[in-house]
Amino acid sequence: MQAGCKAKFIGLCRSAACLSRSLFAAKIVQAGRKNKSAGRTIAINASDNRI
């Protein structure tokens, strides 16, 4: 029972982390549209860090 609950909790944390990452990436993309050259390098760096 406890192991299953723990796995669910870890899964929720992971999905929350993924969600916040994707929101962060979306912000970078929006910033990149405003300031293309600088924003693009930031977006590339962020995607490299995620892998």
Protein backbone atom coordinates (compact mmCIF):
# COMPACT_ATOMS: atom_id res chain seq x y z
CA MET A 1 0.00 0.00 0.00
CA GLN A 2 2.61 2.55 1.08
CA ALA A 3 4.89 1.86 -1.87
CA GLY A 4 2.01 2.54 -4.27
CA CYS A 5 1.18 5.82 -2.55
CA LYS A 6 4.82 6.85 -2.64
CA ALA A 7 5.05 6.08 -6.36
CA LYS A 8 1.90 8.13 -7.00
CA PHE A 9 3.33 11.03 -5.02
CA ILE A 10 6.63 10.87 -6.95
CA GLY A 11 4.66 10.75 -10.20
CA LEU A 12 2.69 13.85 -9.20
CA CYS A 13 5.89 15.69 -8.31
CA ARG A 14 7.45 14.74 -11.63
CA SER A 15 4.42 15.85 -13.64
CA ALA A 16 4.36 19.13 -11.70
CA ALA A 17 8.05 19.65 -12.45
CA CYS A 18 7.46 18.93 -16.13
CA LEU A 19 4.55 21.37 -16.16
CA SER A 20 6.59 24.16 -14.58
CA ARG A 21 9.41 23.46 -17.02
CA SER A 22 7.11 23.68 -20.01
CA LEU A 23 5.64 26.93 -18.65
CA PHE A 24 9.18 28.25 -18.21
CA ALA A 25 10.03 27.21 -21.79
CA ALA A 26 6.87 28.94 -23.05
CA LYS A 27 7.94 32.17 -21.31
CA ILE A 28 11.36 31.91 -22.95
CA VAL A 29 9.73 31.37 -26.34
CA GLN A 30 7.53 34.44 -25.82
CA ALA A 31 10.56 36.48 -24.80
CA GLY A 32 12.35 35.15 -27.88
CA ARG A 33 9.58 36.41 -30.14
CA LYS A 34 10.00 39.91 -28.73
CA ASN A 35 13.79 39.85 -28.91
CA LYS A 36 14.58 37.18 -31.47
CA SER A 37 18.36 36.89 -31.45
CA ALA A 38 18.83 36.98 -27.66
CA GLY A 39 15.70 34.96 -26.91
CA ARG A 40 16.67 32.21 -29.32
CA THR A 41 20.02 31.57 -27.62
CA ILE A 42 18.32 31.52 -24.20
CA ALA A 43 15.74 29.03 -25.47
CA ILE A 44 18.46 26.80 -26.93
CA ASN A 45 20.40 26.89 -23.64
CA ALA A 46 17.27 26.02 -21.66
CA SER A 47 16.45 23.06 -23.91
CA ASP A 48 20.05 21.81 -23.61
CA ASN A 49 19.85 22.00 -19.82
CA ARG A 50 16.68 19.91 -19.78
CA ILE A 51 18.19 16.95 -21.64
